[in-house]
C-alpha atoms as a PDB file:
ATOM      1  CA  MET A   1      52.846  33.245  54.585  1.00  0.00           C
ATOM      2  CA  GLY A   2      51.056  36.109  56.326  1.00  0.00           C
ATOM      3  CA  ALA A   3      48.906  38.830  54.867  1.00  0.00           C
ATOM      4  CA  VAL A   4      50.199  42.231  53.835  1.00  0.00           C
ATOM      5  CA  SER A   5      48.775  45.638  54.497  1.00  0.00           C
ATOM      6  CA  ALA A   6      46.571  46.546  51.548  1.00  0.00           C
ATOM      7  CA  ASP A   7      46.909  50.284  52.137  1.00  0.00           C
ATOM      8  CA  LEU A   8      50.602  50.370  51.175  1.00  0.00           C
ATOM      9  CA  PRO A   9      51.597  51.875  47.797  1.00  0.00           C
ATOM     10  CA  ARG A  10      51.941  49.191  45.135  1.00  0.00           C
ATOM     11  CA  CYS A  11      53.826  48.668  41.872  1.00  0.00           C
ATOM     12  CA  ASP A  12      54.260  45.726  39.513  1.00  0.00           C
ATOM     13  CA  VAL A  13      57.959  45.025  40.068  1.00  0.00           C
ATOM     14  CA  ILE A  14      60.620  46.140  42.520  1.00  0.00           C
ATOM     15  CA  VAL A  15      64.279  45.756  41.576  1.00  0.00           C
ATOM     16  CA  VAL A  16      66.862  45.656  44.360  1.00  0.00           C
ATOM     17  CA  GLY A  17      70.169  46.920  42.988  1.00  0.00           C
ATOM     18  CA  ALA A  18      70.950  49.395  40.201  1.00  0.00           C
ATOM     19  CA  GLY A  19      73.870  47.571  38.649  1.00  0.00           C
ATOM     20  CA  VAL A  20      73.988  46.241  35.108  1.00  0.00           C
ATOM     21  CA  ALA A  21      71.664  43.295  35.761  1.00  0.00           C
ATOM     22  CA  GLY A  22      69.084  45.236  37.750  1.00  0.00           C
ATOM     23  CA  LEU A  23      68.870  48.160  35.357  1.00  0.00           C
ATOM     24  CA  THR A  24      68.767  45.871  32.304  1.00  0.00           C
ATOM     25  CA  ALA A  25      65.732  44.133  33.816  1.00  0.00           C
ATOM     26  CA  ALA A  26      64.087  47.342  35.029  1.00  0.00           C
ATOM     27  CA  ALA A  27      64.415  49.183  31.726  1.00  0.00           C
ATOM     28  CA  ALA A  28      63.087  46.219  29.747  1.00  0.00           C
ATOM     29  CA  LEU A  29      60.126  45.723  32.085  1.00  0.00           C
ATOM     30  CA  GLY A  30      59.316  49.411  31.878  1.00  0.00           C
ATOM     31  CA  ARG A  31      59.263  49.203  28.094  1.00  0.00           C
ATOM     32  CA  ALA A  32      56.912  46.212  28.412  1.00  0.00           C
ATOM     33  CA  GLY A  33      54.431  48.365  30.336  1.00  0.00           C
ATOM     34  CA  ALA A  34      55.152  47.307  33.920  1.00  0.00           C
ATOM     35  CA  THR A  35      55.405  49.837  36.729  1.00  0.00           C
ATOM     36  CA  VAL A  36      58.870  49.437  38.228  1.00  0.00           C
ATOM     37  CA  MET A  37      60.718  50.808  41.256  1.00  0.00           C
ATOM     38  CA  VAL A  38      64.474  50.410  41.657  1.00  0.00           C
ATOM     39  CA  PHE A  39      66.197  50.624  45.051  1.00  0.00           C
ATOM     40  CA  GLU A  40      69.969  51.098  45.182  1.00  0.00           C
ATOM     41  CA  ALA A  41      71.979  51.144  48.398  1.00  0.00           C
ATOM     42  CA  ARG A  42      74.817  53.207  46.924  1.00  0.00           C
ATOM     43  CA  ASP A  43      74.619  56.871  45.985  1.00  0.00           C
ATOM     44  CA  ARG A  44      75.268  55.984  42.335  1.00  0.00           C
ATOM     45  CA  VAL A  45      74.161  53.479  39.706  1.00  0.00           C
ATOM     46  CA  GLY A  46      76.488  50.909  38.196  1.00  0.00           C
ATOM     47  CA  GLY A  47      77.408  48.562  41.022  1.00  0.00           C
ATOM     48  CA  ARG A  48      80.674  46.957  39.969  1.00  0.00           C
ATOM     49  CA  ALA A  49      80.689  49.141  36.852  1.00  0.00           C
ATOM     50  CA  HIS A  50      82.329  52.105  38.560  1.00  0.00           C
ATOM     51  CA  SER A  51      83.750  54.966  36.503  1.00  0.00           C
ATOM     52  CA  VAL A  52      85.344  58.140  37.849  1.00  0.00           C
ATOM     53  CA  ARG A  53      86.494  61.373  36.270  1.00  0.00           C
ATOM     54  CA  ALA A  54      90.195  61.990  35.885  1.00  0.00           C
ATOM     55  CA  ALA A  55      91.648  65.313  34.739  1.00  0.00           C
ATOM     56  CA  THR A  56      91.758  64.185  31.111  1.00  0.00           C
ATOM     57  CA  GLY A  57      88.792  61.834  30.878  1.00  0.00           C
ATOM     58  CA  THR A  58      86.995  58.884  32.467  1.00  0.00           C
ATOM     59  CA  ILE A  59      88.614  55.802  33.967  1.00  0.00           C
ATOM     60  CA  ASP A  60      87.122  52.533  35.138  1.00  0.00           C
ATOM     61  CA  LEU A  61      87.803  51.136  38.603  1.00  0.00           C
ATOM     62  CA  GLY A  62      85.611  48.071  38.149  1.00  0.00           C
ATOM     63  CA  VAL A  63      84.399  46.203  35.102  1.00  0.00           C
ATOM     64  CA  SER A  64      85.971  47.868  32.077  1.00  0.00           C
ATOM     65  CA  ARG A  65      85.916  45.643  28.988  1.00  0.00           C
ATOM     66  CA  PHE A  66      83.976  42.974  27.180  1.00  0.00           C
ATOM     67  CA  ARG A  67      84.999  40.313  24.686  1.00  0.00           C
ATOM     68  CA  PRO A  68      83.810  39.748  21.123  1.00  0.00           C
ATOM     69  CA  ASP A  69      81.707  36.767  22.237  1.00  0.00           C
ATOM     70  CA  GLU A  70      79.726  38.956  24.670  1.00  0.00           C
ATOM     71  CA  LEU A  71      77.020  39.554  22.113  1.00  0.00           C
ATOM     72  CA  PHE A  72      74.268  40.792  24.419  1.00  0.00           C
ATOM     73  CA  THR A  73      76.566  43.447  25.862  1.00  0.00           C
ATOM     74  CA  ARG A  74      77.576  44.604  22.418  1.00  0.00           C
ATOM     75  CA  ALA A  75      73.949  44.748  21.255  1.00  0.00           C
ATOM     76  CA  LEU A  76      72.840  46.648  24.371  1.00  0.00           C
ATOM     77  CA  SER A  77      75.659  49.163  23.968  1.00  0.00           C
ATOM     78  CA  HIS A  78      74.640  49.776  20.370  1.00  0.00           C
ATOM     79  CA  GLU A  79      70.961  50.065  21.317  1.00  0.00           C
ATOM     80  CA  LEU A  80      71.734  52.688  23.971  1.00  0.00           C
ATOM     81  CA  GLY A  81      74.168  54.648  21.810  1.00  0.00           C
ATOM     82  CA  VAL A  82      77.091  53.889  24.128  1.00  0.00           C
ATOM     83  CA  ARG A  83      80.341  54.610  22.315  1.00  0.00           C
ATOM     84  CA  THR A  84      82.874  51.796  22.473  1.00  0.00           C
ATOM     85  CA  PHE A  85      86.343  51.319  21.041  1.00  0.00           C
ATOM     86  CA  THR A  86      88.614  48.401  20.271  1.00  0.00           C
ATOM     87  CA  GLU A  87      91.652  47.887  22.441  1.00  0.00           C
ATOM     88  CA  PRO A  88      94.835  48.171  20.386  1.00  0.00           C
ATOM     89  CA  LEU A  89      96.961  45.088  19.734  1.00  0.00           C
ATOM     90  CA  HIS A  90     100.536  46.161  19.952  1.00  0.00           C
ATOM     91  CA  GLY A  91     103.977  45.337  21.259  1.00  0.00           C
ATOM     92  CA  ASP A  92     105.460  42.923  23.757  1.00  0.00           C
ATOM     93  CA  ALA A  93     104.210  41.881  27.178  1.00  0.00           C
ATOM     94  CA  LEU A  94     106.087  42.200  30.461  1.00  0.00           C
ATOM     95  CA  LEU A  95     106.602  39.236  32.751  1.00  0.00           C
ATOM     96  CA  GLU A  96     108.038  39.371  36.249  1.00  0.00           C
ATOM     97  CA  PRO A  97     108.914  35.945  37.692  1.00  0.00           C
ATOM     98  CA  THR A  98     109.337  35.546  41.436  1.00  0.00           C
ATOM     99  CA  HIS A  99     113.136  35.313  41.426  1.00  0.00           C
ATOM    100  CA  ALA A 100     114.005  37.435  38.409  1.00  0.00           C
ATOM    101  CA  GLY A 101     113.516  40.966  37.173  1.00  0.00           C
ATOM    102  CA  PRO A 102     110.887  41.959  34.622  1.00  0.00           C
ATOM    103  CA  HIS A 103     111.550  41.058  30.999  1.00  0.00           C
ATOM    104  CA  ARG A 104     109.783  41.418  27.672  1.00  0.00           C
ATOM    105  CA  VAL A 105     108.212  38.515  25.836  1.00  0.00           C
ATOM    106  CA  ASP A 106     106.477  38.241  22.488  1.00  0.00           C
ATOM    107  CA  ALA A 107     102.840  38.798  23.374  1.00  0.00           C
ATOM    108  CA  ASP A 108     101.540  37.161  20.171  1.00  0.00           C
ATOM    109  CA  ARG A 109      98.592  39.553  20.150  1.00  0.00           C
ATOM    110  CA  ARG A 110      97.027  38.301  16.928  1.00  0.00           C
ATOM    111  CA  GLY A 111      93.780  37.192  18.543  1.00  0.00           C
ATOM    112  CA  GLN A 112      90.590  39.194  18.791  1.00  0.00           C
ATOM    113  CA  PRO A 113      90.836  42.271  21.017  1.00  0.00           C
ATOM    114  CA  SER A 114      88.409  43.254  23.748  1.00  0.00           C
ATOM    115  CA  TYR A 115      86.136  46.287  23.618  1.00  0.00           C
ATOM    116  CA  ARG A 116      86.111  49.214  26.033  1.00  0.00           C
ATOM    117  CA  PHE A 117      83.675  52.037  26.801  1.00  0.00           C
ATOM    118  CA  ALA A 118      84.748  55.467  25.604  1.00  0.00           C
ATOM    119  CA  GLN A 119      83.066  57.179  28.586  1.00  0.00           C
ATOM    120  CA  GLY A 120      83.558  54.349  31.049  1.00  0.00           C
ATOM    121  CA  ALA A 121      81.425  51.302  31.779  1.00  0.00           C
ATOM    122  CA  GLN A 122      79.136  53.315  34.038  1.00  0.00           C
ATOM    123  CA  ASP A 123      77.922  55.138  30.929  1.00  0.00           C
ATOM    124  CA  LEU A 124      76.037  51.951  30.052  1.00  0.00           C
ATOM    125  CA  THR A 125      74.204  51.831  33.367  1.00  0.00           C
ATOM    126  CA  GLN A 126      73.486  55.554  33.427  1.00  0.00           C
ATOM    127  CA  ARG A 127      71.807  55.322  30.037  1.00  0.00           C
ATOM    128  CA  LEU A 128      69.714  52.405  31.274  1.00  0.00           C
ATOM    129  CA  ALA A 129      68.765  54.437  34.341  1.00  0.00           C
ATOM    130  CA  ASP A 130      67.776  57.352  32.109  1.00  0.00           C
ATOM    131  CA  GLN A 131      65.107  55.105  30.537  1.00  0.00           C
ATOM    132  CA  LEU A 132      63.298  54.684  33.853  1.00  0.00           C
ATOM    133  CA  ALA A 133      60.243  56.760  34.672  1.00  0.00           C
ATOM    134  CA  CYS A 134      60.956  59.846  36.736  1.00  0.00           C
ATOM    135  CA  GLY A 135      61.067  59.158  40.458  1.00  0.00           C
ATOM    136  CA  THR A 136      61.322  55.379  40.160  1.00  0.00           C
ATOM    137  CA  LEU A 137      65.047  55.123  40.966  1.00  0.00           C
ATOM    138  CA  ARG A 138      65.881  55.480  44.658  1.00  0.00           C
ATOM    139  CA  LEU A 139      69.584  55.931  45.428  1.00  0.00           C
ATOM    140  CA  SER A 140      71.106  55.601  48.924  1.00  0.00           C
ATOM    141  CA  ASP A 141      68.054  53.508  49.796  1.00  0.00           C
ATOM    142  CA  PRO A 142      69.028  49.955  50.838  1.00  0.00           C
ATOM    143  CA  VAL A 143      66.395  47.243  51.167  1.00  0.00           C
ATOM    144  CA  SER A 144      66.342  45.453  54.517  1.00  0.00           C
ATOM    145  CA  SER A 145      63.557  42.891  54.151  1.00  0.00           C
ATOM    146  CA  ILE A 146      61.421  41.078  51.590  1.00  0.00           C
ATOM    147  CA  SER A 147      58.210  39.420  52.798  1.00  0.00           C
ATOM    148  CA  VAL A 148      56.210  37.157  50.467  1.00  0.00           C
ATOM    149  CA  THR A 149      52.474  36.641  51.036  1.00  0.00           C
ATOM    150  CA  PRO A 150      49.651  35.204  48.908  1.00  0.00           C
ATOM    151  CA  ASP A 151      48.667  38.784  47.987  1.00  0.00           C
ATOM    152  CA  GLY A 152      52.088  40.095  46.986  1.00  0.00           C
ATOM    153  CA  VAL A 153      55.470  41.024  48.347  1.00  0.00           C
ATOM    154  CA  ARG A 154      56.216  43.677  50.941  1.00  0.00           C
ATOM    155  CA  VAL A 155      59.597  45.339  50.469  1.00  0.00           C
ATOM    156  CA  ASP A 156      61.061  47.398  53.289  1.00  0.00           C
ATOM    157  CA  ALA A 157      63.648  49.973  52.241  1.00  0.00           C
ATOM    158  CA  ARG A 158      65.301  52.732  54.252  1.00  0.00           C
ATOM    159  CA  SER A 159      62.899  55.395  52.990  1.00  0.00           C
ATOM    160  CA  THR A 160      59.655  53.536  52.444  1.00  0.00           C
ATOM    161  CA  ARG A 161      57.655  50.319  52.416  1.00  0.00           C
ATOM    162  CA  LEU A 162      55.947  49.118  49.231  1.00  0.00           C
ATOM    163  CA  LEU A 163      53.887  46.234  47.921  1.00  0.00           C
ATOM    164  CA  THR A 164      54.677  44.569  44.631  1.00  0.00           C
ATOM    165  CA  ASP A 165      53.866  41.505  42.570  1.00  0.00           C
ATOM    166  CA  HIS A 166      57.503  40.571  41.897  1.00  0.00           C
ATOM    167  CA  VAL A 167      60.939  41.359  43.318  1.00  0.00           C
ATOM    168  CA  ILE A 168      64.170  41.057  41.350  1.00  0.00           C
ATOM    169  CA  VAL A 169      67.114  40.747  43.733  1.00  0.00           C
ATOM    170  CA  ALA A 170      69.879  42.120  41.507  1.00  0.00           C
ATOM    171  CA  VAL A 171      72.763  41.946  43.975  1.00  0.00           C
ATOM    172  CA  PRO A 172      75.233  39.091  44.558  1.00  0.00           C
ATOM    173  CA  PRO A 173      73.235  36.251  46.151  1.00  0.00           C
ATOM    174  CA  ALA A 174      75.667  35.765  49.057  1.00  0.00           C
ATOM    175  CA  LEU A 175      75.411  39.480  49.836  1.00  0.00           C
ATOM    176  CA  ALA A 176      71.606  39.322  49.738  1.00  0.00           C
ATOM    177  CA  MET A 177      71.681  36.517  52.310  1.00  0.00           C
ATOM    178  CA  GLU A 178      73.636  38.728  54.717  1.00  0.00           C
ATOM    179  CA  GLN A 179      71.854  42.026  54.232  1.00  0.00           C
ATOM    180  CA  ILE A 180      68.214  41.195  53.434  1.00  0.00           C
ATOM    181  CA  ALA A 181      65.784  39.358  55.709  1.00  0.00           C
ATOM    182  CA  PHE A 182      63.499  37.040  53.708  1.00  0.00           C
ATOM    183  CA  SER A 183      60.107  36.007  55.068  1.00  0.00           C
ATOM    184  CA  PRO A 184      59.297  33.217  54.880  1.00  0.00           C
ATOM    185  CA  GLY A 185      62.845  31.896  54.838  1.00  0.00           C
ATOM    186  CA  LEU A 186      64.109  30.887  51.424  1.00  0.00           C
ATOM    187  CA  PRO A 187      63.983  27.186  50.511  1.00  0.00           C
ATOM    188  CA  GLY A 188      67.058  25.303  51.666  1.00  0.00           C
ATOM    189  CA  THR A 189      68.375  24.652  48.144  1.00  0.00           C
ATOM    190  CA  VAL A 190      68.091  28.338  47.260  1.00  0.00           C
ATOM    191  CA  ARG A 191      69.779  29.592  50.425  1.00  0.00           C
ATOM    192  CA  ALA A 192      72.554  27.006  50.152  1.00  0.00           C
ATOM    193  CA  ALA A 193      73.235  27.965  46.542  1.00  0.00           C
ATOM    194  CA  ALA A 194      73.188  31.677  47.352  1.00  0.00           C
ATOM    195  CA  GLU A 195      75.536  31.374  50.291  1.00  0.00           C
ATOM    196  CA  ALA A 196      77.957  29.198  48.284  1.00  0.00           C
ATOM    197  CA  THR A 197      78.090  31.448  45.218  1.00  0.00           C
ATOM    198  CA  ALA A 198      81.328  33.398  45.003  1.00  0.00           C
ATOM    199  CA  VAL A 199      81.015  37.120  44.322  1.00  0.00           C
ATOM    200  CA  SER A 200      82.799  38.314  41.211  1.00  0.00           C
ATOM    201  CA  THR A 201      85.544  40.864  42.101  1.00  0.00           C
ATOM    202  CA  HIS A 202      84.878  40.520  45.867  1.00  0.00           C
ATOM    203  CA  ALA A 203      88.434  39.577  46.818  1.00  0.00           C
ATOM    204  CA  VAL A 204      90.405  42.050  44.701  1.00  0.00           C
ATOM    205  CA  VAL A 205      91.913  45.504  44.913  1.00  0.00           C
ATOM    206  CA  THR A 206      91.913  47.580  41.734  1.00  0.00           C
ATOM    207  CA  ALA A 207      94.304  50.488  41.191  1.00  0.00           C
ATOM    208  CA  VAL A 208      94.577  52.876  38.245  1.00  0.00           C
ATOM    209  CA  ALA A 209      97.439  55.321  37.660  1.00  0.00           C
ATOM    210  CA  VAL A 210      96.825  58.200  35.227  1.00  0.00           C
ATOM    211  CA  TYR A 211      99.731  59.745  33.290  1.00  0.00           C
ATOM    212  CA  GLU A 212     100.262  62.691  30.976  1.00  0.00           C
ATOM    213  CA  ASP A 213     100.890  60.297  28.098  1.00  0.00           C
ATOM    214  CA  ALA A 214     101.040  56.544  27.423  1.00  0.00           C
ATOM    215  CA  PHE A 215     104.848  56.336  27.508  1.00  0.00           C
ATOM    216  CA  TRP A 216     104.761  52.506  27.514  1.00  0.00           C
ATOM    217  CA  ARG A 217     103.300  52.543  24.037  1.00  0.00           C
ATOM    218  CA  ARG A 218     106.330  54.453  22.782  1.00  0.00           C
ATOM    219  CA  GLU A 219     108.367  51.515  24.062  1.00  0.00           C
ATOM    220  CA  ARG A 220     106.172  49.101  22.128  1.00  0.00           C
ATOM    221  CA  LEU A 221     104.868  47.428  25.252  1.00  0.00           C
ATOM    222  CA  ALA A 222     101.554  45.636  24.972  1.00  0.00           C
ATOM    223  CA  ASP A 223      98.520  46.296  27.109  1.00  0.00           C
ATOM    224  CA  ALA A 224      99.332  43.460  29.487  1.00  0.00           C
ATOM    225  CA  ALA A 225     101.865  42.546  32.156  1.00  0.00           C
ATOM    226  CA  ALA A 226     101.973  39.729  34.678  1.00  0.00           C
ATOM    227  CA  SER A 227     103.899  39.639  37.927  1.00  0.00           C
ATOM    228  CA  ASP A 228     104.594  36.724  40.250  1.00  0.00           C
ATOM    229  CA  THR A 229     106.198  39.182  42.674  1.00  0.00           C
ATOM    230  CA  GLY A 230     103.162  41.430  43.095  1.00  0.00           C
ATOM    231  CA  PRO A 231     101.338  42.640  44.956  1.00  0.00           C
ATOM    232  CA  PHE A 232      99.512  43.501  41.723  1.00  0.00           C
ATOM    233  CA  ARG A 233      99.621  40.297  39.698  1.00  0.00           C
ATOM    234  CA  GLU A 234      97.807  41.492  36.576  1.00  0.00           C
ATOM    235  CA  LEU A 235      98.390  44.850  34.886  1.00  0.00           C
ATOM    236  CA  LEU A 236      96.526  46.300  31.927  1.00  0.00           C
ATOM    237  CA  ASP A 237      96.533  49.370  29.737  1.00  0.00           C
ATOM    238  CA  GLN A 238      93.414  51.199  30.932  1.00  0.00           C
ATOM    239  CA  SER A 239      93.772  54.169  28.579  1.00  0.00           C
ATOM    240  CA  GLY A 240      90.814  55.747  26.848  1.00  0.00           C
ATOM    241  CA  PRO A 241      90.350  56.268  23.106  1.00  0.00           C
ATOM    242  CA  ASP A 242      93.573  57.459  21.442  1.00  0.00           C
ATOM    243  CA  ALA A 243      95.273  56.961  24.829  1.00  0.00           C
ATOM    244  CA  VAL A 244      93.332  59.802  26.498  1.00  0.00           C
ATOM    245  CA  PRO A 245      93.382  59.536  29.400  1.00  0.00           C
ATOM    246  CA  ALA A 246      96.609  57.522  29.538  1.00  0.00           C
ATOM    247  CA  ALA A 247      96.309  54.994  32.348  1.00  0.00           C
ATOM    248  CA  LEU A 248      97.646  51.714  33.700  1.00  0.00           C
ATOM    249  CA  CYS A 249      95.487  49.417  35.823  1.00  0.00           C
ATOM    250  CA  GLY A 250      96.572  46.800  38.336  1.00  0.00           C
ATOM    251  CA  VAL A 251      94.575  44.037  39.996  1.00  0.00           C
ATOM    252  CA  ALA A 252      95.743  42.499  43.282  1.00  0.00           C
ATOM    253  CA  ALA A 253      94.282  39.855  45.533  1.00  0.00           C
ATOM    254  CA  ALA A 254      92.984  41.627  48.635  1.00  0.00           C
ATOM    255  CA  LYS A 255      94.864  39.150  50.829  1.00  0.00           C
ATOM    256  CA  ASP A 256      98.150  40.334  49.288  1.00  0.00           C
ATOM    257  CA  LEU A 257      97.415  43.840  50.588  1.00  0.00           C
ATOM    258  CA  ALA A 258      95.973  42.818  53.940  1.00  0.00           C
ATOM    259  CA  GLY A 259      96.608  45.520  56.524  1.00  0.00           C
ATOM    260  CA  VAL A 260      97.561  48.101  53.879  1.00  0.00           C
ATOM    261  CA  ASP A 261      95.350  51.204  53.697  1.00  0.00           C
ATOM    262  CA  LEU A 262      94.397  52.870  50.411  1.00  0.00           C
ATOM    263  CA  ARG A 263      97.273  55.344  50.547  1.00  0.00           C
ATOM    264  CA  GLY A 264      99.683  52.484  51.161  1.00  0.00           C
ATOM    265  CA  ALA A 265      98.171  50.531  48.270  1.00  0.00           C
ATOM    266  CA  GLN A 266      98.675  53.565  46.013  1.00  0.00           C
ATOM    267  CA  ALA A 267     102.352  53.709  46.995  1.00  0.00           C
ATOM    268  CA  ARG A 268     102.834  49.971  46.473  1.00  0.00           C
ATOM    269  CA  PHE A 269     101.199  50.237  43.053  1.00  0.00           C
ATOM    270  CA  VAL A 270     103.415  53.101  41.873  1.00  0.00           C
ATOM    271  CA  GLU A 271     106.498  51.296  43.189  1.00  0.00           C
ATOM    272  CA  GLN A 272     105.573  48.215  41.200  1.00  0.00           C
ATOM    273  CA  LEU A 273     104.811  50.180  38.033  1.00  0.00           C
ATOM    274  CA  THR A 274     108.209  51.880  38.320  1.00  0.00           C
ATOM    275  CA  ARG A 275     109.904  48.503  38.728  1.00  0.00           C
ATOM    276  CA  LEU A 276     108.137  47.177  35.637  1.00  0.00           C
ATOM    277  CA  PHE A 277     107.915  50.155  33.302  1.00  0.00           C
ATOM    278  CA  GLY A 278     110.829  52.347  34.381  1.00  0.00           C
ATOM    279  CA  PRO A 279     111.265  55.809  35.943  1.00  0.00           C
ATOM    280  CA  GLU A 280     108.521  57.485  33.896  1.00  0.00           C
ATOM    281  CA  ALA A 281     106.001  55.347  35.783  1.00  0.00           C
ATOM    282  CA  ALA A 282     107.062  56.956  39.070  1.00  0.00           C
ATOM    283  CA  ARG A 283     105.298  60.224  38.244  1.00  0.00           C
ATOM    284  CA  PRO A 284     101.547  59.578  37.800  1.00  0.00           C
ATOM    285  CA  ALA A 285      99.236  62.577  37.740  1.00  0.00           C
ATOM    286  CA  GLU A 286      96.587  60.665  39.712  1.00  0.00           C
ATOM    287  CA  VAL A 287      96.222  57.276  41.388  1.00  0.00           C
ATOM    288  CA  HIS A 288      92.842  55.762  42.253  1.00  0.00           C
ATOM    289  CA  VAL A 289      92.329  52.623  44.356  1.00  0.00           C
ATOM    290  CA  VAL A 290      89.240  50.575  45.212  1.00  0.00           C
ATOM    291  CA  ASP A 291      89.333  47.670  47.637  1.00  0.00           C
ATOM    292  CA  TRP A 292      86.332  45.692  46.466  1.00  0.00           C
ATOM    293  CA  SER A 293      86.685  43.253  49.361  1.00  0.00           C
ATOM    294  CA  GLY A 294      85.747  46.095  51.716  1.00  0.00           C
ATOM    295  CA  GLU A 295      82.814  47.411  49.681  1.00  0.00           C
ATOM    296  CA  GLN A 296      79.751  47.082  51.903  1.00  0.00           C
ATOM    297  CA  TYR A 297      77.356  46.663  48.993  1.00  0.00           C
ATOM    298  CA  THR A 298      79.563  44.322  46.943  1.00  0.00           C
ATOM    299  CA  SER A 299      81.236  41.832  49.237  1.00  0.00           C
ATOM    300  CA  PRO A 300      79.707  39.677  51.970  1.00  0.00           C
ATOM    301  CA  ARG A 301      81.583  39.536  55.248  1.00  0.00           C
ATOM    302  CA  ALA A 302      81.840  35.744  55.151  1.00  0.00           C
ATOM    303  CA  PRO A 303      84.377  34.435  52.609  1.00  0.00           C
ATOM    304  CA  VAL A 304      83.046  32.365  49.714  1.00  0.00           C
ATOM    305  CA  SER A 305      85.108  29.942  47.641  1.00  0.00           C
ATOM    306  CA  PRO A 306      85.558  31.157  44.023  1.00  0.00           C
ATOM    307  CA  ALA A 307      85.362  27.527  42.905  1.00  0.00           C
ATOM    308  CA  SER A 308      81.602  27.585  43.518  1.00  0.00           C
ATOM    309  CA  LEU A 309      80.958  30.266  40.898  1.00  0.00           C
ATOM    310  CA  ALA A 310      80.114  27.809  38.105  1.00  0.00           C
ATOM    311  CA  SER A 311      78.396  25.213  40.315  1.00  0.00           C
ATOM    312  CA  ASP A 312      75.389  23.357  38.922  1.00  0.00           C
ATOM    313  CA  ASP A 313      73.622  24.252  42.157  1.00  0.00           C
ATOM    314  CA  LEU A 314      73.139  27.725  40.719  1.00  0.00           C
ATOM    315  CA  ALA A 315      70.085  26.364  38.878  1.00  0.00           C
ATOM    316  CA  ALA A 316      68.125  26.995  42.093  1.00  0.00           C
ATOM    317  CA  LEU A 317      68.848  30.709  41.696  1.00  0.00           C
ATOM    318  CA  ARG A 318      67.570  30.813  38.116  1.00  0.00           C
ATOM    319  CA  GLN A 319      63.988  29.989  39.029  1.00  0.00           C
ATOM    320  CA  ALA A 320      61.232  32.096  40.548  1.00  0.00           C
ATOM    321  CA  VAL A 321      61.174  31.563  44.314  1.00  0.00           C
ATOM    322  CA  TYR A 322      57.609  31.404  45.651  1.00  0.00           C
ATOM    323  CA  ASP A 323      56.672  32.521  42.103  1.00  0.00           C
ATOM    324  CA  ARG A 324      57.588  36.089  43.047  1.00  0.00           C
ATOM    325  CA  VAL A 325      61.276  36.442  43.970  1.00  0.00           C
ATOM    326  CA  HIS A 326      63.892  36.390  41.204  1.00  0.00           C
ATOM    327  CA  PHE A 327      67.671  36.522  41.595  1.00  0.00           C
ATOM    328  CA  ALA A 328      69.651  38.326  38.904  1.00  0.00           C
ATOM    329  CA  SER A 329      73.370  39.100  38.975  1.00  0.00           C
ATOM    330  CA  THR A 330      76.362  38.109  36.894  1.00  0.00           C
ATOM    331  CA  GLU A 331      76.890  35.223  39.318  1.00  0.00           C
ATOM    332  CA  THR A 332      73.490  33.674  38.458  1.00  0.00           C
ATOM    333  CA  ALA A 333      73.754  33.933  34.667  1.00  0.00           C
ATOM    334  CA  SER A 334      73.463  30.697  32.688  1.00  0.00           C
ATOM    335  CA  THR A 335      76.492  31.707  30.582  1.00  0.00           C
ATOM    336  CA  HIS A 336      79.351  34.222  30.967  1.00  0.00           C
ATOM    337  CA  ALA A 337      78.987  34.214  34.757  1.00  0.00           C
ATOM    338  CA  GLY A 338      81.307  36.702  36.407  1.00  0.00           C
ATOM    339  CA  ARG A 339      81.527  38.941  33.358  1.00  0.00           C
ATOM    340  CA  LEU A 340      79.585  41.977  32.133  1.00  0.00           C
ATOM    341  CA  GLU A 341      77.801  39.741  29.658  1.00  0.00           C
ATOM    342  CA  GLY A 342      76.628  37.571  32.530  1.00  0.00           C
ATOM    343  CA  ALA A 343      75.039  40.583  34.211  1.00  0.00           C
ATOM    344  CA  VAL A 344      73.211  41.634  31.038  1.00  0.00           C
ATOM    345  CA  ARG A 345      71.970  38.090  30.440  1.00  0.00           C
ATOM    346  CA  ALA A 346      70.904  37.644  34.073  1.00  0.00           C
ATOM    347  CA  GLY A 347      68.859  40.835  33.869  1.00  0.00           C
ATOM    348  CA  LYS A 348      67.155  39.675  30.692  1.00  0.00           C
ATOM    349  CA  GLU A 349      66.500  36.214  32.129  1.00  0.00           C
ATOM    350  CA  ALA A 350      64.878  37.690  35.239  1.00  0.00           C
ATOM    351  CA  MET A 351      62.788  40.015  33.105  1.00  0.00           C
ATOM    352  CA  ARG A 352      61.500  37.053  31.085  1.00  0.00           C
ATOM    353  CA  ARG A 353      60.615  35.097  34.244  1.00  0.00           C
ATOM    354  CA  VAL A 354      58.633  38.045  35.593  1.00  0.00           C
ATOM    355  CA  LEU A 355      56.709  38.489  32.359  1.00  0.00           C
ATOM    356  CA  GLU A 356      55.956  34.760  32.215  1.00  0.00           C
ATOM    357  CA  GLN A 357      54.604  34.818  35.774  1.00  0.00           C
ATOM    358  CA  ARG A 358      52.513  37.893  35.009  1.00  0.00           C
ATOM    359  CA  LEU A 359      50.968  36.094  32.025  1.00  0.00           C
ATOM    360  CA  VAL A 360      50.182  33.034  34.158  1.00  0.00           C
ATOM    361  CA  ARG A 361      48.467  35.166  36.817  1.00  0.00           C
ATOM    362  CA  ALA A 362      46.509  37.075  34.181  1.00  0.00           C
ATOM    363  CA  ARG A 363      44.862  33.921  32.848  1.00  0.00           C
END
């Protein structure tokens, strides 16, 4: 490990990535008295929590709901004053087998419903970002290298170079391996685990169609449909509170839309909705599509097997590397990996590791 230039500006912690995990850690460390800088490659916060404005309200194109057992997410939402609502349980589901047309089935929706964000999931991350000290969040500012030395860590971003005591790498580990140069190289067990960790949502295309009203609810159709024909295999009611905005969401495997551009994916989505829900579905007011597999700051170029997501090897990513580098994303969480809860927990776990290391060094 080489020395670093002592004349560089310094802070206590640098967080790479302003998604749910990174901002959860950054806000908590700030409250604990640490000086924190957050670097985000995108021009917005949220990461895979991506909300956009429609004519009648906000819709989610990424993570959009959390379950009753996601207690940390629920507590954080309450703490930040984020308004949530309970998804309605109603009606039948639609199934579309490969060699038959769509038909209704009893959805048996007597279980516990999921929760949604009244102003979109990005509301959660924006409120976390609002807790940061002025000037400490850098958007459109990707980090290219992280160099660990006995005196601290040098972080090179597009706009600046800083020294810090700790770095929280709050992006998918496999993506970090491709886009960030680590010096010295990460230990073999850490790099192997990072490269083998599948990225949540990386291989999917999400589409949302917005309508004047939720006509499917008049037909007593539930908020779920499944299609073996595709290309969108899973469909959900993505409407806001009291069905405003009224919206249907579809999730497709990116490989099922290979070679199809976004406009083509929009057309395929509306065609499928019309086949499933009838002629009213053919007239959406808006259609939004995100191909997460092509998102530069979400998906690594090299494919990763989803089966590795829950691997025990992930333990290597839940420890401080060289006592200064900490990974934190939904993929590294000890529970609820791949979900919003996993991101919140990963952020909190990284925050605790940093504070523990700071206490050790202070002794």
